[in-house]
Amino acid sequence: MASTTQSEALAPSSSTLLNSRVAAPLSLLLFGLAIRLYFARAFFLNPDEALHYLLSLQPDLRATYQATLPTSHPPLYIVFLHYWGYLGSSECFLRLPSVLAVTAFCWLVFRWVKLVANDSAAFICLALLLFSPSLIYVSTELRQYAFVLFFSSAALLFLELGLI
């Protein structure tokens, strides 16, 4: 029979379990981010995305807002692109905010599910969200949908934190 000190040595320590509970979701998140960055570089802008960018290429904020009025798209994302375009104009760089917003969306939903359910459900939810083909596609679009997902998930998480 093993003595108690031997069985304690074979059991994982609480710090090892804590590190794996943190490391597994973070490594999954980084892998999901890498996939999104790959697809953000892989495709050209489609005509609707190009329209968003062209509308944002106005000389000032007022002209940018005025340019969005005849379109059916909300102006906030185009105004955001107006200022984001000062930092860079490559297709991959223009798609970076959407990639980061959907990746943050996945993390916020993970945190929310962890609060309302348990760690296992949250981890499965994170994996499903990170590798969903539809969400990967949404994260590589130069459209406002990524920000809608991000702000909706932030509202869910902060509402739940406020109710605790």
N, C-alpha and C. Protein backbone atom coordinates (compact mmCIF):
# COMPACT_ATOMS: atom_id res chain seq x y z
N MET A 1 0.82 -1.19 0.00
CA MET A 1 0.00 0.00 0.00
C MET A 1 0.86 1.24 0.00
N ALA A 2 0.38 2.21 -0.66
CA ALA A 2 1.11 3.47 -0.72
C ALA A 2 0.85 4.26 0.54
N SER A 3 1.88 4.89 0.99
CA SER A 3 1.69 5.74 2.17
C SER A 3 0.98 7.02 1.78
N THR A 4 0.54 7.76 2.76
CA THR A 4 -0.21 8.99 2.48
C THR A 4 0.67 10.02 1.79
N THR A 5 1.95 10.04 2.08
CA THR A 5 2.81 11.02 1.42
C THR A 5 2.99 10.68 -0.06
N GLN A 6 3.03 9.36 -0.40
CA GLN A 6 3.15 8.99 -1.80
C GLN A 6 1.88 9.32 -2.57
N SER A 7 0.72 9.08 -1.98
CA SER A 7 -0.53 9.39 -2.69
C SER A 7 -0.71 10.89 -2.83
N GLU A 8 -0.25 11.66 -1.84
CA GLU A 8 -0.32 13.12 -1.97
C GLU A 8 0.60 13.61 -3.08
N ALA A 9 1.73 12.95 -3.25
CA ALA A 9 2.68 13.35 -4.29
C ALA A 9 2.13 13.04 -5.68
N LEU A 10 1.34 11.97 -5.80
CA LEU A 10 0.79 11.60 -7.10
C LEU A 10 -0.42 12.43 -7.50
N ALA A 11 -1.14 12.97 -6.53
CA ALA A 11 -2.33 13.78 -6.82
C ALA A 11 -1.89 15.14 -7.33
N PRO A 12 -2.61 15.67 -8.30
CA PRO A 12 -2.25 17.00 -8.81
C PRO A 12 -2.50 18.06 -7.74
N SER A 13 -1.59 18.99 -7.67
CA SER A 13 -1.74 20.05 -6.67
C SER A 13 -2.82 21.03 -7.13
N SER A 14 -3.28 21.81 -6.18
CA SER A 14 -4.34 22.78 -6.52
C SER A 14 -3.81 23.86 -7.46
N SER A 15 -2.52 24.19 -7.36
CA SER A 15 -1.97 25.20 -8.27
C SER A 15 -1.87 24.66 -9.69
N THR A 16 -1.59 23.34 -9.83
CA THR A 16 -1.55 22.73 -11.16
C THR A 16 -2.93 22.74 -11.79
N LEU A 17 -3.96 22.40 -11.00
CA LEU A 17 -5.33 22.44 -11.52
C LEU A 17 -5.73 23.85 -11.90
N LEU A 18 -5.34 24.82 -11.09
CA LEU A 18 -5.66 26.21 -11.38
C LEU A 18 -4.98 26.66 -12.66
N ASN A 19 -3.71 26.27 -12.82
CA ASN A 19 -2.99 26.64 -14.04
C ASN A 19 -3.61 26.01 -15.27
N SER A 20 -4.08 24.75 -15.17
CA SER A 20 -4.70 24.12 -16.33
C SER A 20 -6.07 24.71 -16.62
N ARG A 21 -6.79 25.15 -15.59
CA ARG A 21 -8.09 25.80 -15.81
C ARG A 21 -7.94 27.14 -16.50
N VAL A 22 -6.81 27.78 -16.32
CA VAL A 22 -6.56 29.06 -16.97
C VAL A 22 -5.86 28.85 -18.31
N ALA A 23 -4.92 27.92 -18.35
CA ALA A 23 -4.11 27.73 -19.56
C ALA A 23 -4.90 27.14 -20.71
N ALA A 24 -5.78 26.20 -20.44
CA ALA A 24 -6.53 25.55 -21.52
C ALA A 24 -7.43 26.55 -22.26
N PRO A 25 -8.26 27.34 -21.57
CA PRO A 25 -9.07 28.31 -22.32
C PRO A 25 -8.24 29.38 -23.03
N LEU A 26 -7.16 29.82 -22.40
CA LEU A 26 -6.32 30.84 -23.04
C LEU A 26 -5.62 30.30 -24.27
N SER A 27 -5.14 29.06 -24.20
CA SER A 27 -4.49 28.49 -25.39
C SER A 27 -5.51 28.26 -26.50
N LEU A 28 -6.71 27.86 -26.13
CA LEU A 28 -7.78 27.72 -27.12
C LEU A 28 -8.11 29.07 -27.76
N LEU A 29 -8.15 30.10 -26.94
CA LEU A 29 -8.43 31.45 -27.43
C LEU A 29 -7.34 31.93 -28.39
N LEU A 30 -6.09 31.68 -28.06
CA LEU A 30 -4.99 32.08 -28.94
C LEU A 30 -5.03 31.32 -30.26
N PHE A 31 -5.40 30.05 -30.22
CA PHE A 31 -5.52 29.27 -31.45
C PHE A 31 -6.67 29.80 -32.31
N GLY A 32 -7.78 30.14 -31.67
CA GLY A 32 -8.90 30.72 -32.40
C GLY A 32 -8.54 32.07 -33.02
N LEU A 33 -7.76 32.87 -32.29
CA LEU A 33 -7.30 34.15 -32.82
C LEU A 33 -6.39 33.94 -34.02
N ALA A 34 -5.52 32.95 -33.94
CA ALA A 34 -4.61 32.66 -35.06
C ALA A 34 -5.39 32.25 -36.31
N ILE A 35 -6.42 31.45 -36.14
CA ILE A 35 -7.26 31.05 -37.28
C ILE A 35 -7.92 32.27 -37.90
N ARG A 36 -8.44 33.15 -37.06
CA ARG A 36 -9.11 34.36 -37.56
C ARG A 36 -8.13 35.28 -38.29
N LEU A 37 -6.93 35.41 -37.76
CA LEU A 37 -5.93 36.25 -38.43
C LEU A 37 -5.53 35.65 -39.77
N TYR A 38 -5.44 34.33 -39.84
CA TYR A 38 -5.12 33.69 -41.12
C TYR A 38 -6.19 33.99 -42.16
N PHE A 39 -7.46 33.83 -41.79
CA PHE A 39 -8.54 34.07 -42.74
C PHE A 39 -8.71 35.55 -43.05
N ALA A 40 -8.33 36.42 -42.13
CA ALA A 40 -8.41 37.86 -42.40
C ALA A 40 -7.43 38.25 -43.50
N ARG A 41 -6.31 37.54 -43.59
CA ARG A 41 -5.33 37.83 -44.64
C ARG A 41 -5.63 37.10 -45.94
N ALA A 42 -6.47 36.08 -45.89
CA ALA A 42 -6.63 35.18 -47.04
C ALA A 42 -7.56 35.72 -48.12
N PHE A 43 -8.43 36.66 -47.81
CA PHE A 43 -9.44 37.09 -48.77
C PHE A 43 -9.36 38.58 -49.06
N PHE A 44 -9.81 38.94 -50.26
CA PHE A 44 -9.91 40.34 -50.64
C PHE A 44 -11.19 40.93 -50.06
N LEU A 45 -11.28 42.25 -50.08
CA LEU A 45 -12.51 42.90 -49.65
C LEU A 45 -13.61 42.62 -50.67
N ASN A 46 -14.79 42.27 -50.19
CA ASN A 46 -15.91 42.12 -51.12
C ASN A 46 -16.48 43.52 -51.39
N PRO A 47 -17.36 43.68 -52.37
CA PRO A 47 -17.84 45.02 -52.74
C PRO A 47 -18.49 45.80 -51.59
N ASP A 48 -19.23 45.11 -50.73
CA ASP A 48 -19.87 45.80 -49.62
C ASP A 48 -18.85 46.29 -48.60
N GLU A 49 -17.82 45.49 -48.35
CA GLU A 49 -16.75 45.91 -47.44
C GLU A 49 -15.98 47.09 -48.04
N ALA A 50 -15.74 47.03 -49.34
CA ALA A 50 -15.05 48.14 -50.00
C ALA A 50 -15.87 49.42 -49.92
N LEU A 51 -17.19 49.29 -50.01
CA LEU A 51 -18.05 50.47 -49.85
C LEU A 51 -17.90 51.08 -48.46
N HIS A 52 -17.86 50.23 -47.44
CA HIS A 52 -17.65 50.74 -46.08
C HIS A 52 -16.35 51.54 -46.00
N TYR A 53 -15.30 50.97 -46.56
CA TYR A 53 -14.01 51.65 -46.49
C TYR A 53 -14.02 52.94 -47.31
N LEU A 54 -14.58 52.90 -48.50
CA LEU A 54 -14.62 54.11 -49.33
C LEU A 54 -15.45 55.22 -48.69
N LEU A 55 -16.52 54.85 -48.01
CA LEU A 55 -17.31 55.87 -47.30
C LEU A 55 -16.54 56.50 -46.16
N SER A 56 -15.61 55.74 -45.58
CA SER A 56 -14.84 56.28 -44.46
C SER A 56 -13.68 57.17 -44.89
N LEU A 57 -13.39 57.23 -46.18
CA LEU A 57 -12.26 58.02 -46.68
C LEU A 57 -12.64 59.48 -46.94
N GLN A 58 -13.34 60.08 -46.06
CA GLN A 58 -13.74 61.48 -46.19
C GLN A 58 -12.74 62.35 -45.43
N PRO A 59 -12.68 63.64 -45.75
CA PRO A 59 -11.68 64.50 -45.11
C PRO A 59 -11.91 64.76 -43.62
N ASP A 60 -13.16 64.74 -43.18
CA ASP A 60 -13.41 64.99 -41.76
C ASP A 60 -14.62 64.18 -41.28
N LEU A 61 -14.90 64.30 -39.99
CA LEU A 61 -15.97 63.52 -39.39
C LEU A 61 -17.34 63.87 -39.96
N ARG A 62 -17.58 65.14 -40.15
CA ARG A 62 -18.88 65.57 -40.67
C ARG A 62 -19.13 65.01 -42.08
N ALA A 63 -18.11 65.08 -42.91
CA ALA A 63 -18.24 64.55 -44.28
C ALA A 63 -18.41 63.03 -44.26
N THR A 64 -17.75 62.36 -43.32
CA THR A 64 -17.91 60.91 -43.19
C THR A 64 -19.34 60.57 -42.81
N TYR A 65 -19.88 61.30 -41.85
CA TYR A 65 -21.26 61.06 -41.44
C TYR A 65 -22.22 61.35 -42.59
N GLN A 66 -22.00 62.44 -43.29
CA GLN A 66 -22.87 62.79 -44.42
C GLN A 66 -22.81 61.73 -45.52
N ALA A 67 -21.65 61.13 -45.71
CA ALA A 67 -21.51 60.09 -46.74
C ALA A 67 -22.28 58.83 -46.38
N THR A 68 -22.51 58.59 -45.10
CA THR A 68 -23.23 57.38 -44.69
C THR A 68 -24.74 57.52 -44.79
N LEU A 69 -25.25 58.73 -44.90
CA LEU A 69 -26.71 58.93 -44.87
C LEU A 69 -27.45 58.26 -46.03
N PRO A 70 -26.97 58.28 -47.26
CA PRO A 70 -27.73 57.62 -48.33
C PRO A 70 -27.64 56.09 -48.31
N THR A 71 -26.77 55.53 -47.50
CA THR A 71 -26.63 54.07 -47.47
C THR A 71 -27.57 53.46 -46.43
N SER A 72 -27.70 52.16 -46.49
CA SER A 72 -28.55 51.47 -45.51
C SER A 72 -27.76 50.99 -44.31
N HIS A 73 -26.49 51.37 -44.22
CA HIS A 73 -25.64 50.91 -43.13
C HIS A 73 -25.60 51.95 -42.01
N PRO A 74 -25.56 51.50 -40.76
CA PRO A 74 -25.45 52.45 -39.65
C PRO A 74 -24.11 53.18 -39.71
N PRO A 75 -24.08 54.43 -39.28
CA PRO A 75 -22.87 55.24 -39.46
C PRO A 75 -21.75 54.98 -38.46
N LEU A 76 -22.03 54.38 -37.31
CA LEU A 76 -21.00 54.29 -36.27
C LEU A 76 -19.77 53.53 -36.73
N TYR A 77 -19.95 52.40 -37.39
CA TYR A 77 -18.80 51.61 -37.82
C TYR A 77 -18.00 52.34 -38.89
N ILE A 78 -18.67 53.04 -39.77
CA ILE A 78 -17.98 53.77 -40.83
C ILE A 78 -17.20 54.94 -40.23
N VAL A 79 -17.76 55.58 -39.23
CA VAL A 79 -17.04 56.65 -38.52
C VAL A 79 -15.83 56.06 -37.81
N PHE A 80 -15.99 54.87 -37.20
CA PHE A 80 -14.86 54.19 -36.58
C PHE A 80 -13.77 53.91 -37.62
N LEU A 81 -14.17 53.41 -38.80
CA LEU A 81 -13.20 53.13 -39.86
C LEU A 81 -12.49 54.40 -40.33
N HIS A 82 -13.19 55.53 -40.27
CA HIS A 82 -12.58 56.80 -40.65
C HIS A 82 -11.33 57.06 -39.80
N TYR A 83 -11.45 56.86 -38.50
CA TYR A 83 -10.30 57.09 -37.61
C TYR A 83 -9.33 55.92 -37.62
N TRP A 84 -9.82 54.70 -37.77
CA TRP A 84 -8.94 53.54 -37.84
C TRP A 84 -8.06 53.60 -39.08
N GLY A 85 -8.57 54.18 -40.15
CA GLY A 85 -7.82 54.29 -41.39
C GLY A 85 -6.60 55.19 -41.28
N TYR A 86 -6.57 56.06 -40.27
CA TYR A 86 -5.37 56.89 -40.06
C TYR A 86 -4.18 56.04 -39.62
N LEU A 87 -4.45 54.91 -38.99
CA LEU A 87 -3.37 54.05 -38.49
C LEU A 87 -2.82 53.12 -39.56
N GLY A 88 -3.65 52.76 -40.53
CA GLY A 88 -3.20 51.87 -41.59
C GLY A 88 -4.35 51.57 -42.53
N SER A 89 -4.01 51.14 -43.74
CA SER A 89 -5.07 50.92 -44.73
C SER A 89 -4.97 49.57 -45.43
N SER A 90 -4.14 48.67 -44.96
CA SER A 90 -4.10 47.35 -45.59
C SER A 90 -5.38 46.59 -45.24
N GLU A 91 -5.74 45.64 -46.07
CA GLU A 91 -6.98 44.90 -45.84
C GLU A 91 -6.94 44.14 -44.52
N CYS A 92 -5.80 43.55 -44.22
CA CYS A 92 -5.68 42.81 -42.97
C CYS A 92 -5.79 43.75 -41.77
N PHE A 93 -5.16 44.90 -41.86
CA PHE A 93 -5.22 45.86 -40.75
C PHE A 93 -6.63 46.40 -40.57
N LEU A 94 -7.34 46.63 -41.67
CA LEU A 94 -8.71 47.12 -41.56
C LEU A 94 -9.63 46.07 -40.93
N ARG A 95 -9.32 44.80 -41.13
CA ARG A 95 -10.14 43.74 -40.54
C ARG A 95 -9.76 43.41 -39.10
N LEU A 96 -8.65 43.92 -38.63
CA LEU A 96 -8.17 43.60 -37.29
C LEU A 96 -9.18 43.94 -36.18
N PRO A 97 -9.87 45.08 -36.19
CA PRO A 97 -10.85 45.33 -35.12
C PRO A 97 -11.96 44.29 -35.07
N SER A 98 -12.42 43.82 -36.21
CA SER A 98 -13.46 42.79 -36.22
C SER A 98 -12.92 41.47 -35.68
N VAL A 99 -11.70 41.13 -36.04
CA VAL A 99 -11.09 39.90 -35.54
C VAL A 99 -10.96 39.97 -34.02
N LEU A 100 -10.47 41.09 -33.51
CA LEU A 100 -10.31 41.23 -32.06
C LEU A 100 -11.66 41.28 -31.35
N ALA A 101 -12.65 41.92 -31.97
CA ALA A 101 -13.97 42.03 -31.33
C ALA A 101 -14.64 40.66 -31.22
N VAL A 102 -14.57 39.83 -32.25
CA VAL A 102 -15.20 38.51 -32.17
C VAL A 102 -14.42 37.60 -31.23
N THR A 103 -13.11 37.73 -31.20
CA THR A 103 -12.32 36.94 -30.25
C THR A 103 -12.67 37.35 -28.82
N ALA A 104 -12.81 38.65 -28.58
CA ALA A 104 -13.22 39.12 -27.26
C ALA A 104 -14.65 38.68 -26.95
N PHE A 105 -15.51 38.65 -27.96
CA PHE A 105 -16.88 38.14 -27.79
C PHE A 105 -16.85 36.71 -27.26
N CYS A 106 -16.02 35.87 -27.86
CA CYS A 106 -15.92 34.48 -27.42
C CYS A 106 -15.47 34.40 -25.97
N TRP A 107 -14.51 35.23 -25.59
CA TRP A 107 -14.01 35.22 -24.22
C TRP A 107 -15.07 35.73 -23.24
N LEU A 108 -15.81 36.77 -23.61
CA LEU A 108 -16.84 37.30 -22.72
C LEU A 108 -17.99 36.31 -22.54
N VAL A 109 -18.37 35.62 -23.60
CA VAL A 109 -19.41 34.59 -23.47
C VAL A 109 -18.90 33.44 -22.61
N PHE A 110 -17.63 33.09 -22.76
CA PHE A 110 -17.03 32.07 -21.90
C PHE A 110 -17.14 32.47 -20.44
N ARG A 111 -16.79 33.71 -20.13
CA ARG A 111 -16.89 34.20 -18.74
C ARG A 111 -18.33 34.20 -18.25
N TRP A 112 -19.27 34.58 -19.13
CA TRP A 112 -20.68 34.63 -18.75
C TRP A 112 -21.22 33.22 -18.47
N VAL A 113 -20.92 32.28 -19.36
CA VAL A 113 -21.39 30.91 -19.16
C VAL A 113 -20.76 30.30 -17.91
N LYS A 114 -19.54 30.67 -17.63
CA LYS A 114 -18.87 30.20 -16.41
C LYS A 114 -19.63 30.68 -15.17
N LEU A 115 -20.18 31.88 -15.23
CA LEU A 115 -20.96 32.40 -14.10
C LEU A 115 -22.32 31.73 -13.98
N VAL A 116 -23.00 31.52 -15.09
CA VAL A 116 -24.37 30.99 -15.03
C VAL A 116 -24.43 29.47 -15.04
N ALA A 117 -23.36 28.79 -15.47
CA ALA A 117 -23.37 27.32 -15.51
C ALA A 117 -22.17 26.80 -14.73
N ASN A 118 -21.22 26.20 -15.42
CA ASN A 118 -20.02 25.69 -14.76
C ASN A 118 -18.83 25.76 -15.71
N ASP A 119 -17.67 25.35 -15.23
CA ASP A 119 -16.44 25.45 -16.02
C ASP A 119 -16.49 24.58 -17.28
N SER A 120 -17.04 23.39 -17.17
CA SER A 120 -17.09 22.49 -18.33
C SER A 120 -17.98 23.05 -19.44
N ALA A 121 -19.14 23.55 -19.06
CA ALA A 121 -20.05 24.14 -20.05
C ALA A 121 -19.41 25.36 -20.69
N ALA A 122 -18.70 26.14 -19.89
CA ALA A 122 -18.05 27.34 -20.43
C ALA A 122 -16.95 26.97 -21.41
N PHE A 123 -16.18 25.93 -21.10
CA PHE A 123 -15.10 25.52 -21.99
C PHE A 123 -15.65 24.99 -23.31
N ILE A 124 -16.71 24.20 -23.24
CA ILE A 124 -17.34 23.68 -24.47
C ILE A 124 -17.91 24.83 -25.29
N CYS A 125 -18.54 25.78 -24.61
CA CYS A 125 -19.09 26.95 -25.31
C CYS A 125 -17.98 27.75 -25.99
N LEU A 126 -16.87 27.93 -25.30
CA LEU A 126 -15.74 28.65 -25.89
C LEU A 126 -15.23 27.94 -27.13
N ALA A 127 -15.09 26.63 -27.06
CA ALA A 127 -14.60 25.87 -28.22
C ALA A 127 -15.58 25.97 -29.39
N LEU A 128 -16.87 25.87 -29.11
CA LEU A 128 -17.86 25.96 -30.18
C LEU A 128 -17.86 27.35 -30.83
N LEU A 129 -17.76 28.38 -30.02
CA LEU A 129 -17.76 29.74 -30.57
C LEU A 129 -16.48 30.04 -31.34
N LEU A 130 -15.35 29.60 -30.82
CA LEU A 130 -14.08 29.90 -31.48
C LEU A 130 -13.94 29.22 -32.84
N PHE A 131 -14.50 28.03 -32.98
CA PHE A 131 -14.29 27.27 -34.21
C PHE A 131 -15.55 27.16 -35.06
N SER A 132 -16.55 27.96 -34.77
CA SER A 132 -17.74 28.01 -35.61
C SER A 132 -17.39 28.69 -36.93
N PRO A 133 -17.62 28.04 -38.05
CA PRO A 133 -17.29 28.66 -39.34
C PRO A 133 -18.01 29.99 -39.57
N SER A 134 -19.24 30.09 -39.11
CA SER A 134 -19.98 31.34 -39.30
C SER A 134 -19.34 32.49 -38.53
N LEU A 135 -18.91 32.21 -37.30
CA LEU A 135 -18.27 33.27 -36.52
C LEU A 135 -16.88 33.61 -37.04
N ILE A 136 -16.20 32.62 -37.58
CA ILE A 136 -14.90 32.92 -38.20
C ILE A 136 -15.10 33.84 -39.39
N TYR A 137 -16.13 33.57 -40.18
CA TYR A 137 -16.42 34.42 -41.33
C TYR A 137 -16.82 35.83 -40.89
N VAL A 138 -17.67 35.93 -39.87
CA VAL A 138 -18.10 37.25 -39.38
C VAL A 138 -16.90 38.04 -38.86
N SER A 139 -15.95 37.35 -38.24
CA SER A 139 -14.80 38.06 -37.68
C SER A 139 -13.86 38.58 -38.75
N THR A 140 -13.96 38.07 -39.96
CA THR A 140 -13.07 38.54 -41.02
C THR A 140 -13.74 39.54 -41.94
N GLU A 141 -14.98 39.89 -41.65
CA GLU A 141 -15.68 40.88 -42.48
C GLU A 141 -15.41 42.29 -41.98
N LEU A 142 -15.37 43.20 -42.90
CA LEU A 142 -15.23 44.62 -42.58
C LEU A 142 -16.64 45.19 -42.41
N ARG A 143 -17.33 44.68 -41.41
CA ARG A 143 -18.72 45.05 -41.15
C ARG A 143 -18.92 45.25 -39.65
N GLN A 144 -20.06 45.77 -39.25
CA GLN A 144 -20.34 46.12 -37.86
C GLN A 144 -20.79 44.93 -37.01
N TYR A 145 -21.01 43.76 -37.60
CA TYR A 145 -21.56 42.64 -36.86
C TYR A 145 -20.66 42.18 -35.72
N ALA A 146 -19.36 42.28 -35.90
CA ALA A 146 -18.44 41.87 -34.84
C ALA A 146 -18.62 42.75 -33.60
N PHE A 147 -18.81 44.04 -33.81
CA PHE A 147 -19.01 44.94 -32.67
C PHE A 147 -20.36 44.70 -32.00
N VAL A 148 -21.37 44.35 -32.78
CA VAL A 148 -22.68 44.02 -32.19
C VAL A 148 -22.54 42.81 -31.27
N LEU A 149 -21.84 41.79 -31.72
CA LEU A 149 -21.63 40.61 -30.88
C LEU A 149 -20.83 40.96 -29.63
N PHE A 150 -19.78 41.75 -29.79
CA PHE A 150 -18.94 42.11 -28.65
C PHE A 150 -19.73 42.89 -27.60
N PHE A 151 -20.43 43.92 -28.01
CA PHE A 151 -21.15 44.75 -27.05
C PHE A 151 -22.33 43.99 -26.43
N SER A 152 -22.96 43.10 -27.17
CA SER A 152 -24.05 42.29 -26.61
C SER A 152 -23.53 41.34 -25.53
N SER A 153 -22.41 40.71 -25.81
CA SER A 153 -21.85 39.79 -24.81
C SER A 153 -21.32 40.55 -23.59
N ALA A 154 -20.77 41.73 -23.81
CA ALA A 154 -20.33 42.54 -22.67
C ALA A 154 -21.52 42.94 -21.80
N ALA A 155 -22.64 43.27 -22.44
CA ALA A 155 -23.84 43.62 -21.68
C ALA A 155 -24.34 42.42 -20.87
N LEU A 156 -24.33 41.23 -21.47
CA LEU A 156 -24.74 40.03 -20.74
C LEU A 156 -23.86 39.78 -19.53
N LEU A 157 -22.55 39.85 -19.74
CA LEU A 157 -21.62 39.58 -18.64
C LEU A 157 -21.76 40.61 -17.53
N PHE A 158 -21.81 41.89 -17.88
CA PHE A 158 -21.89 42.92 -16.84
C PHE A 158 -23.25 42.93 -16.15
N LEU A 159 -24.30 42.55 -16.84
CA LEU A 159 -25.60 42.41 -16.19
C LEU A 159 -25.54 41.29 -15.16
N GLU A 160 -24.95 40.17 -15.55
CA GLU A 160 -24.85 39.05 -14.61
C GLU A 160 -23.97 39.41 -13.42
N LEU A 161 -22.87 40.10 -13.67
CA LEU A 161 -22.00 40.52 -12.56
C LEU A 161 -22.72 41.51 -11.66
N GLY A 162 -23.56 42.35 -12.22
CA GLY A 162 -24.31 43.31 -11.42
C GLY A 162 -25.39 42.66 -10.58
N LEU A 163 -25.90 41.52 -11.03
CA LEU A 163 -26.96 40.83 -10.30
C LEU A 163 -26.43 39.91 -9.20
N ILE A 164 -25.15 39.64 -9.23
CA ILE A 164 -24.56 38.74 -8.21
C ILE A 164 -24.46 39.46 -6.89
